[in-house]
Amino acid sequence: MINLMVKPTEVSAKATRRRFTTAEKIRILREADACAHEKGAVTALLRREGLYSSHLTSWRRQRDAGQFGKSPKKRGPVATVPDPRDKQIAELERRALRAEARADRYERLCALQKKVSELFGIPLETESETKP
């Protein structure tokens, strides 16, 4: 017979990483520093809290570096403020590319018109004839 009063296991399907707040880290470091002179006390603290000695080492480094202040150091690359001139330069470059493409298209069209006029024997007006 199955006992229905048994609690389900607390093990989740996917393990989640524990995150410690700054206050928890400082509390544990104070306890570790206080019991450092007793033999086996730090080990008992680590077992009780479910930590490794590397946690204490890295937290002590953070504490010594001053990263346990009001705002911890943000990770990742430093965000740079975009220069408004860069946006303007990009827009001008796009305009220049469009203008170059348009000019190239018109040159090819003019060359095609000249070839067609030569094939059909139609004389084209020269620039001196069009100017008054």
C-alpha atoms as a PDB file:
ATOM      1  CA  MET A   1       0.000   0.000   0.000  1.00  0.00           C
ATOM      2  CA  ILE A   2       1.285   3.455  -0.916  1.00  0.00           C
ATOM      3  CA  ASN A   3       1.436   6.036   1.807  1.00  0.00           C
ATOM      4  CA  LEU A   4      -0.316   9.161   0.517  1.00  0.00           C
ATOM      5  CA  MET A   5       1.008  11.304   3.354  1.00  0.00           C
ATOM      6  CA  VAL A   6       4.579  11.269   2.040  1.00  0.00           C
ATOM      7  CA  LYS A   7       5.813  14.639   0.780  1.00  0.00           C
ATOM      8  CA  PRO A   8       6.916  14.774  -2.836  1.00  0.00           C
ATOM      9  CA  THR A   9      10.639  15.065  -3.353  1.00  0.00           C
ATOM     10  CA  GLU A  10      12.039  18.571  -3.342  1.00  0.00           C
ATOM     11  CA  VAL A  11      14.474  17.905  -6.146  1.00  0.00           C
ATOM     12  CA  SER A  12      13.538  19.913  -9.210  1.00  0.00           C
ATOM     13  CA  ALA A  13      13.878  18.560 -12.712  1.00  0.00           C
ATOM     14  CA  LYS A  14      16.362  21.273 -13.604  1.00  0.00           C
ATOM     15  CA  ALA A  15      18.913  22.450 -11.080  1.00  0.00           C
ATOM     16  CA  THR A  16      18.979  26.172 -10.409  1.00  0.00           C
ATOM     17  CA  ARG A  17      22.038  28.045  -9.283  1.00  0.00           C
ATOM     18  CA  ARG A  18      21.836  29.515  -5.815  1.00  0.00           C
ATOM     19  CA  ARG A  19      22.171  33.258  -5.631  1.00  0.00           C
ATOM     20  CA  PHE A  20      23.330  34.971  -2.506  1.00  0.00           C
ATOM     21  CA  THR A  21      22.453  38.531  -1.666  1.00  0.00           C
ATOM     22  CA  THR A  22      25.130  40.903  -0.499  1.00  0.00           C
ATOM     23  CA  ALA A  23      23.728  40.769   3.029  1.00  0.00           C
ATOM     24  CA  GLU A  24      23.939  36.954   3.076  1.00  0.00           C
ATOM     25  CA  LYS A  25      27.513  37.005   1.816  1.00  0.00           C
ATOM     26  CA  ILE A  26      28.567  39.543   4.450  1.00  0.00           C
ATOM     27  CA  ARG A  27      26.800  37.570   7.215  1.00  0.00           C
ATOM     28  CA  ILE A  28      28.519  34.326   6.226  1.00  0.00           C
ATOM     29  CA  LEU A  29      31.906  36.049   5.942  1.00  0.00           C
ATOM     30  CA  ARG A  30      31.498  37.544   9.425  1.00  0.00           C
ATOM     31  CA  GLU A  31      30.621  34.131  10.834  1.00  0.00           C
ATOM     32  CA  ALA A  32      33.604  32.566   9.060  1.00  0.00           C
ATOM     33  CA  ASP A  33      35.942  35.257  10.365  1.00  0.00           C
ATOM     34  CA  ALA A  34      34.551  34.877  13.905  1.00  0.00           C
ATOM     35  CA  CYS A  35      35.041  31.112  14.000  1.00  0.00           C
ATOM     36  CA  ALA A  36      38.389  31.070  12.168  1.00  0.00           C
ATOM     37  CA  HIS A  37      40.331  30.462  15.397  1.00  0.00           C
ATOM     38  CA  GLU A  38      38.312  27.334  16.318  1.00  0.00           C
ATOM     39  CA  LYS A  39      39.358  24.058  14.749  1.00  0.00           C
ATOM     40  CA  GLY A  40      36.714  22.685  12.351  1.00  0.00           C
ATOM     41  CA  ALA A  41      34.313  25.585  12.907  1.00  0.00           C
ATOM     42  CA  VAL A  42      34.673  26.981   9.391  1.00  0.00           C
ATOM     43  CA  THR A  43      34.120  23.519   7.941  1.00  0.00           C
ATOM     44  CA  ALA A  44      30.978  23.145  10.021  1.00  0.00           C
ATOM     45  CA  LEU A  45      29.792  26.561   8.814  1.00  0.00           C
ATOM     46  CA  LEU A  46      30.386  25.576   5.196  1.00  0.00           C
ATOM     47  CA  ARG A  47      28.481  22.312   5.639  1.00  0.00           C
ATOM     48  CA  ARG A  48      25.613  24.048   7.410  1.00  0.00           C
ATOM     49  CA  GLU A  49      25.284  26.700   4.694  1.00  0.00           C
ATOM     50  CA  GLY A  50      25.931  24.258   1.847  1.00  0.00           C
ATOM     51  CA  LEU A  51      28.963  26.163   0.545  1.00  0.00           C
ATOM     52  CA  TYR A  52      32.419  25.428  -0.745  1.00  0.00           C
ATOM     53  CA  SER A  53      35.593  27.054   0.507  1.00  0.00           C
ATOM     54  CA  SER A  54      35.970  28.680  -2.916  1.00  0.00           C
ATOM     55  CA  HIS A  55      32.813  30.689  -2.165  1.00  0.00           C
ATOM     56  CA  LEU A  56      34.500  32.208   0.867  1.00  0.00           C
ATOM     57  CA  THR A  57      37.661  32.902  -1.105  1.00  0.00           C
ATOM     58  CA  SER A  58      35.880  34.700  -3.926  1.00  0.00           C
ATOM     59  CA  TRP A  59      33.597  36.605  -1.529  1.00  0.00           C
ATOM     60  CA  ARG A  60      36.609  37.757   0.488  1.00  0.00           C
ATOM     61  CA  ARG A  61      38.223  39.032  -2.712  1.00  0.00           C
ATOM     62  CA  GLN A  62      35.028  40.880  -3.589  1.00  0.00           C
ATOM     63  CA  ARG A  63      34.851  42.351  -0.095  1.00  0.00           C
ATOM     64  CA  ASP A  64      38.470  43.475  -0.232  1.00  0.00           C
ATOM     65  CA  ALA A  65      37.910  45.032  -3.659  1.00  0.00           C
ATOM     66  CA  GLY A  66      34.948  46.999  -2.281  1.00  0.00           C
ATOM     67  CA  GLN A  67      32.335  45.337  -4.458  1.00  0.00           C
ATOM     68  CA  PHE A  68      29.905  44.828  -1.592  1.00  0.00           C
ATOM     69  CA  GLY A  69      28.911  48.487  -1.580  1.00  0.00           C
ATOM     70  CA  LYS A  70      25.458  49.829  -2.304  1.00  0.00           C
ATOM     71  CA  SER A  71      25.731  49.091  -5.997  1.00  0.00           C
ATOM     72  CA  PRO A  72      27.874  46.103  -6.998  1.00  0.00           C
ATOM     73  CA  LYS A  73      30.101  46.313 -10.033  1.00  0.00           C
ATOM     74  CA  LYS A  74      28.161  45.521 -13.187  1.00  0.00           C
ATOM     75  CA  ARG A  75      29.428  42.701 -15.321  1.00  0.00           C
ATOM     76  CA  GLY A  76      30.040  42.785 -19.032  1.00  0.00           C
ATOM     77  CA  PRO A  77      31.435  45.358 -21.404  1.00  0.00           C
ATOM     78  CA  VAL A  78      31.181  49.019 -20.525  1.00  0.00           C
ATOM     79  CA  ALA A  79      28.391  50.696 -22.427  1.00  0.00           C
ATOM     80  CA  THR A  80      29.524  53.611 -24.536  1.00  0.00           C
ATOM     81  CA  VAL A  81      27.288  56.565 -25.231  1.00  0.00           C
ATOM     82  CA  PRO A  82      26.637  56.773 -28.972  1.00  0.00           C
ATOM     83  CA  ASP A  83      27.887  59.961 -30.561  1.00  0.00           C
ATOM     84  CA  PRO A  84      25.069  61.841 -32.357  1.00  0.00           C
ATOM     85  CA  ARG A  85      27.537  62.683 -35.114  1.00  0.00           C
ATOM     86  CA  ASP A  86      27.898  58.965 -35.905  1.00  0.00           C
ATOM     87  CA  LYS A  87      24.201  58.785 -36.762  1.00  0.00           C
ATOM     88  CA  GLN A  88      24.517  61.815 -38.998  1.00  0.00           C
ATOM     89  CA  ILE A  89      27.613  60.370 -40.701  1.00  0.00           C
ATOM     90  CA  ALA A  90      25.793  57.084 -41.374  1.00  0.00           C
ATOM     91  CA  GLU A  91      22.825  58.968 -42.870  1.00  0.00           C
ATOM     92  CA  LEU A  92      25.105  61.038 -45.108  1.00  0.00           C
ATOM     93  CA  GLU A  93      26.925  57.900 -46.258  1.00  0.00           C
ATOM     94  CA  ARG A  94      23.586  56.285 -47.158  1.00  0.00           C
ATOM     95  CA  ARG A  95      22.591  59.384 -49.125  1.00  0.00           C
ATOM     96  CA  ALA A  96      25.930  59.420 -50.947  1.00  0.00           C
ATOM     97  CA  LEU A  97      25.588  55.744 -51.885  1.00  0.00           C
ATOM     98  CA  ARG A  98      22.063  56.327 -53.196  1.00  0.00           C
ATOM     99  CA  ALA A  99      23.215  59.358 -55.190  1.00  0.00           C
ATOM    100  CA  GLU A 100      26.131  57.399 -56.674  1.00  0.00           C
ATOM    101  CA  ALA A 101      23.813  54.536 -57.626  1.00  0.00           C
ATOM    102  CA  ARG A 102      21.367  56.976 -59.218  1.00  0.00           C
ATOM    103  CA  ALA A 103      24.162  58.711 -61.169  1.00  0.00           C
ATOM    104  CA  ASP A 104      25.503  55.364 -62.362  1.00  0.00           C
ATOM    105  CA  ARG A 105      22.020  54.341 -63.481  1.00  0.00           C
ATOM    106  CA  TYR A 106      21.581  57.610 -65.430  1.00  0.00           C
ATOM    107  CA  GLU A 107      24.993  57.212 -67.089  1.00  0.00           C
ATOM    108  CA  ARG A 108      24.146  53.699 -68.222  1.00  0.00           C
ATOM    109  CA  LEU A 109      20.758  54.910 -69.485  1.00  0.00           C
ATOM    110  CA  CYS A 110      22.416  57.702 -71.471  1.00  0.00           C
ATOM    111  CA  ALA A 111      24.901  55.230 -72.942  1.00  0.00           C
ATOM    112  CA  LEU A 112      22.028  52.959 -73.932  1.00  0.00           C
ATOM    113  CA  GLN A 113      20.175  55.852 -75.569  1.00  0.00           C
ATOM    114  CA  LYS A 114      23.295  56.753 -77.565  1.00  0.00           C
ATOM    115  CA  LYS A 115      23.672  53.168 -78.774  1.00  0.00           C
ATOM    116  CA  VAL A 116      20.000  52.969 -79.755  1.00  0.00           C
ATOM    117  CA  SER A 117      20.198  56.278 -81.620  1.00  0.00           C
ATOM    118  CA  GLU A 118      23.292  55.049 -83.484  1.00  0.00           C
ATOM    119  CA  LEU A 119      21.523  51.778 -84.410  1.00  0.00           C
ATOM    120  CA  PHE A 120      18.445  53.559 -85.764  1.00  0.00           C
ATOM    121  CA  GLY A 121      20.432  56.448 -87.263  1.00  0.00           C
ATOM    122  CA  ILE A 122      18.711  59.114 -85.176  1.00  0.00           C
ATOM    123  CA  PRO A 123      20.972  62.113 -84.597  1.00  0.00           C
ATOM    124  CA  LEU A 124      21.188  63.337 -81.005  1.00  0.00           C
ATOM    125  CA  GLU A 125      21.318  66.967 -79.988  1.00  0.00           C
ATOM    126  CA  THR A 126      24.687  68.093 -78.711  1.00  0.00           C
ATOM    127  CA  GLU A 127      25.124  70.289 -75.676  1.00  0.00           C
ATOM    128  CA  SER A 128      25.973  73.351 -77.777  1.00  0.00           C
ATOM    129  CA  GLU A 129      22.677  73.001 -79.693  1.00  0.00           C
ATOM    130  CA  THR A 130      20.574  72.807 -76.530  1.00  0.00           C
ATOM    131  CA  LYS A 131      22.125  75.899 -74.911  1.00  0.00           C
ATOM    132  CA  PRO A 132      20.788  79.252 -76.211  1.00  0.00           C
END
